[in-house]
């Protein structure tokens, strides 16, 4: 019996093996394209466009930069790429991830490691940096929950923690066509890569 196909063909022409991903099969354009079409909150958000993982990633990187203003470009890039594996495995809400179990986490870790190596980062992000990115991620989730996902402030505080309002000042949730988000995601990646050189 033939082995089941474990790779996905990307628009770049690359074939990414989901079970054994290699950095050479990863392109930022594929990530930006995929993430701009993946909806956060399973699409259960207000507005005429889904709130994409790419848009969320842009916000997380901005929040991370506010939390850690002296952070080098490589860790800001790690913040931008924090959900990059979702360009091929999609975005599962936390209750589904918990139900699926450790298999999802293992797949996510393998993909993240290959993505990080492809863009000059260590396969595993240092725990302290990962914790800071997670903090930015939770602030973004709080903003999304209260602005577009129907949560009350009290509910969002309970699930995501009460964020410092100063960190969110001047920021809001943006809903726009995927092509615009894709362009901004790619442009932000290019800026951060240029700063790393």
Protein backbone atom coordinates (compact mmCIF):
# COMPACT_ATOMS: atom_id res chain seq x y z
CA UNK A 1 0.00 0.00 0.00
CA UNK A 2 1.50 3.39 -0.98
CA UNK A 3 2.42 5.83 1.74
CA UNK A 4 -0.14 8.66 2.05
CA UNK A 5 0.94 12.00 0.59
CA UNK A 6 2.31 14.24 3.34
CA UNK A 7 3.38 17.22 1.23
CA UNK A 8 1.56 20.28 -0.04
CA UNK A 9 2.44 22.08 -3.24
CA UNK A 10 2.83 25.82 -2.74
CA UNK A 11 2.13 28.61 -5.21
CA UNK A 12 5.90 29.16 -5.40
CA UNK A 13 6.17 25.64 -6.80
CA UNK A 14 7.80 24.29 -3.64
CA UNK A 15 6.60 21.00 -2.17
CA UNK A 16 6.58 21.20 1.61
CA UNK A 17 6.61 17.87 3.43
CA UNK A 18 4.44 18.51 6.48
CA UNK A 19 5.89 15.60 8.43
CA UNK A 20 9.53 16.29 7.57
CA UNK A 21 9.75 19.97 6.55
CA UNK A 22 13.01 21.33 5.22
CA UNK A 23 13.96 25.03 5.26
CA UNK A 24 14.72 25.06 1.51
CA UNK A 25 11.03 24.39 0.75
CA UNK A 26 9.84 27.47 2.66
CA UNK A 27 9.28 30.85 1.00
CA UNK A 28 8.03 34.03 2.69
CA UNK A 29 5.62 34.67 -0.19
CA UNK A 30 3.92 31.32 0.47
CA UNK A 31 3.68 32.10 4.18
CA UNK A 32 2.30 35.60 3.57
CA UNK A 33 -0.21 34.33 1.02
CA UNK A 34 -1.41 31.44 3.15
CA UNK A 35 -1.68 33.43 6.39
CA UNK A 36 -3.58 36.25 4.69
CA UNK A 37 -6.34 33.76 3.81
CA UNK A 38 -6.45 31.90 7.16
CA UNK A 39 -9.18 33.31 9.41
CA UNK A 40 -8.67 33.77 13.14
CA UNK A 41 -11.53 32.78 15.46
CA UNK A 42 -12.74 30.25 12.84
CA UNK A 43 -14.09 33.26 10.95
CA UNK A 44 -16.56 34.07 13.73
CA UNK A 45 -15.80 37.79 13.69
CA UNK A 46 -17.61 40.97 12.77
CA UNK A 47 -16.89 42.77 9.51
CA UNK A 48 -16.82 42.27 5.78
CA UNK A 49 -13.46 40.49 5.81
CA UNK A 50 -12.11 37.70 7.99
CA UNK A 51 -9.47 38.74 10.48
CA UNK A 52 -6.49 36.89 9.10
CA UNK A 53 -3.55 35.27 10.85
CA UNK A 54 -1.29 37.56 8.78
CA UNK A 55 -3.05 40.65 10.17
CA UNK A 56 -2.84 39.19 13.68
CA UNK A 57 0.89 38.51 13.19
CA UNK A 58 1.53 42.11 12.14
CA UNK A 59 -0.23 43.31 15.29
CA UNK A 60 1.66 40.87 17.53
CA UNK A 61 4.96 42.08 16.12
CA UNK A 62 3.97 45.72 16.84
CA UNK A 63 2.88 44.84 20.38
CA UNK A 64 6.06 42.83 20.96
CA UNK A 65 8.11 45.84 19.81
CA UNK A 66 6.25 48.02 22.32
CA UNK A 67 6.77 45.49 25.12
CA UNK A 68 10.49 45.16 24.33
CA UNK A 69 11.60 48.36 22.55
CA UNK A 70 15.29 47.39 22.61
CA UNK A 71 14.63 43.98 21.08
CA UNK A 72 16.84 43.17 18.06
CA UNK A 73 15.28 42.66 14.64
CA UNK A 74 15.68 38.88 14.80
CA UNK A 75 13.27 38.60 17.75
CA UNK A 76 10.82 41.01 16.12
CA UNK A 77 10.98 38.70 13.09
CA UNK A 78 10.28 35.76 15.41
CA UNK A 79 7.20 37.64 16.63
CA UNK A 80 6.04 38.22 13.05
CA UNK A 81 6.54 34.51 12.29
CA UNK A 82 5.06 33.23 15.57
CA UNK A 83 2.05 31.66 13.80
CA UNK A 84 3.77 30.97 10.46
CA UNK A 85 3.13 27.18 10.53
CA UNK A 86 -0.56 28.01 10.19
CA UNK A 87 0.03 28.83 6.52
CA UNK A 88 -0.19 25.08 5.93
CA UNK A 89 -1.93 23.66 9.01
CA UNK A 90 -4.52 26.40 9.52
CA UNK A 91 -5.48 28.18 12.71
CA UNK A 92 -7.17 26.03 15.29
CA UNK A 93 -8.85 27.73 18.22
CA UNK A 94 -7.41 26.72 21.60
CA UNK A 95 -10.27 24.36 22.56
CA UNK A 96 -9.70 22.35 19.36
CA UNK A 97 -5.91 22.27 19.90
CA UNK A 98 -6.53 20.92 23.40
CA UNK A 99 -8.87 18.24 22.04
CA UNK A 100 -6.45 17.20 19.28
CA UNK A 101 -3.65 16.80 21.79
CA UNK A 102 0.15 16.59 21.47
CA UNK A 103 0.12 15.58 17.78
CA UNK A 104 -0.79 19.11 16.73
CA UNK A 105 1.94 20.61 18.91
CA UNK A 106 4.58 18.28 17.43
CA UNK A 107 3.58 19.16 13.87
CA UNK A 108 3.59 22.86 14.76
CA UNK A 109 7.06 22.61 16.36
CA UNK A 110 8.59 20.80 13.36
CA UNK A 111 7.21 23.37 10.94
CA UNK A 112 8.21 26.31 13.16
CA UNK A 113 11.75 24.97 13.47
CA UNK A 114 12.17 24.69 9.70
CA UNK A 115 10.67 28.17 9.20
CA UNK A 116 12.99 29.71 11.80
CA UNK A 117 16.08 28.12 10.26
CA UNK A 118 15.01 29.28 6.78
CA UNK A 119 14.99 32.90 7.95
CA UNK A 120 18.14 32.87 10.07
CA UNK A 121 16.60 32.25 13.48
CA UNK A 122 17.38 29.42 15.89
CA UNK A 123 15.04 26.43 15.41
CA UNK A 124 13.79 26.89 18.97
CA UNK A 125 13.22 30.45 20.17
CA UNK A 126 14.72 31.06 23.66
CA UNK A 127 12.06 30.59 26.37
CA UNK A 128 12.32 34.20 27.63
CA UNK A 129 11.72 35.58 24.12
CA UNK A 130 8.94 33.08 23.50
CA UNK A 131 7.25 34.21 26.72
CA UNK A 132 7.41 37.88 25.64
CA UNK A 133 5.96 37.02 22.22
CA UNK A 134 3.19 35.05 23.96
CA UNK A 135 2.42 38.12 26.08
CA UNK A 136 2.03 40.20 22.89
CA UNK A 137 -0.08 37.40 21.41
CA UNK A 138 -2.44 37.49 24.42
CA UNK A 139 -2.81 41.28 24.17
CA UNK A 140 -3.67 40.89 20.49
CA UNK A 141 -6.19 38.15 21.36
CA UNK A 142 -7.77 40.46 23.97
CA UNK A 143 -8.10 43.25 21.39
CA UNK A 144 -9.58 40.88 18.82
CA UNK A 145 -11.95 39.34 21.36
CA UNK A 146 -13.37 42.69 22.46
CA UNK A 147 -13.38 44.49 19.09
CA UNK A 148 -14.53 41.82 16.64
CA UNK A 149 -15.20 38.45 18.33
CA UNK A 150 -18.11 39.38 20.60
CA UNK A 151 -16.41 39.03 24.00
CA UNK A 152 -17.18 41.43 26.82
CA UNK A 153 -14.19 43.12 28.45
CA UNK A 154 -14.76 41.00 31.57
CA UNK A 155 -14.69 37.78 29.51
CA UNK A 156 -11.56 38.86 27.65
CA UNK A 157 -9.85 39.79 30.94
CA UNK A 158 -10.66 36.32 32.29
CA UNK A 159 -9.40 34.40 29.26
CA UNK A 160 -6.46 36.53 28.08
CA UNK A 161 -5.51 38.70 31.06
CA UNK A 162 -6.10 42.41 31.49
CA UNK A 163 -3.66 44.27 29.23
CA UNK A 164 -1.94 47.56 29.92
CA UNK A 165 -3.95 50.16 27.94
CA UNK A 166 -0.75 52.10 27.17
CA UNK A 167 0.56 49.19 25.09
CA UNK A 168 -2.55 49.29 22.88
CA UNK A 169 -2.75 53.07 22.48
CA UNK A 170 -3.31 54.02 18.85
CA UNK A 171 -3.74 50.40 17.75
CA UNK A 172 -6.94 48.79 16.56
CA UNK A 173 -8.08 45.71 14.73
CA UNK A 174 -7.89 46.11 10.96
CA UNK A 175 -10.13 44.19 8.56
CA UNK A 176 -9.13 44.40 4.91
CA UNK A 177 -8.75 42.36 1.74
CA UNK A 178 -6.20 39.52 1.94
CA UNK A 179 -4.07 41.00 -0.85
CA UNK A 180 -3.39 44.13 1.23
CA UNK A 181 -2.48 42.14 4.32
CA UNK A 182 -0.25 39.86 2.25
CA UNK A 183 1.63 42.87 0.86
CA UNK A 184 2.10 44.43 4.30
CA UNK A 185 3.24 41.13 5.84
CA UNK A 186 5.85 40.65 3.10
CA UNK A 187 6.96 44.28 3.37
CA UNK A 188 7.38 44.02 7.15
CA UNK A 189 9.40 40.82 6.71
CA UNK A 190 11.70 42.62 4.24
CA UNK A 191 12.25 45.53 6.65
CA UNK A 192 13.14 43.18 9.50
CA UNK A 193 15.45 41.06 7.32
CA UNK A 194 17.26 44.21 6.15
CA UNK A 195 17.77 45.23 9.82
CA UNK A 196 19.27 41.81 10.59
CA UNK A 197 22.04 42.15 7.98
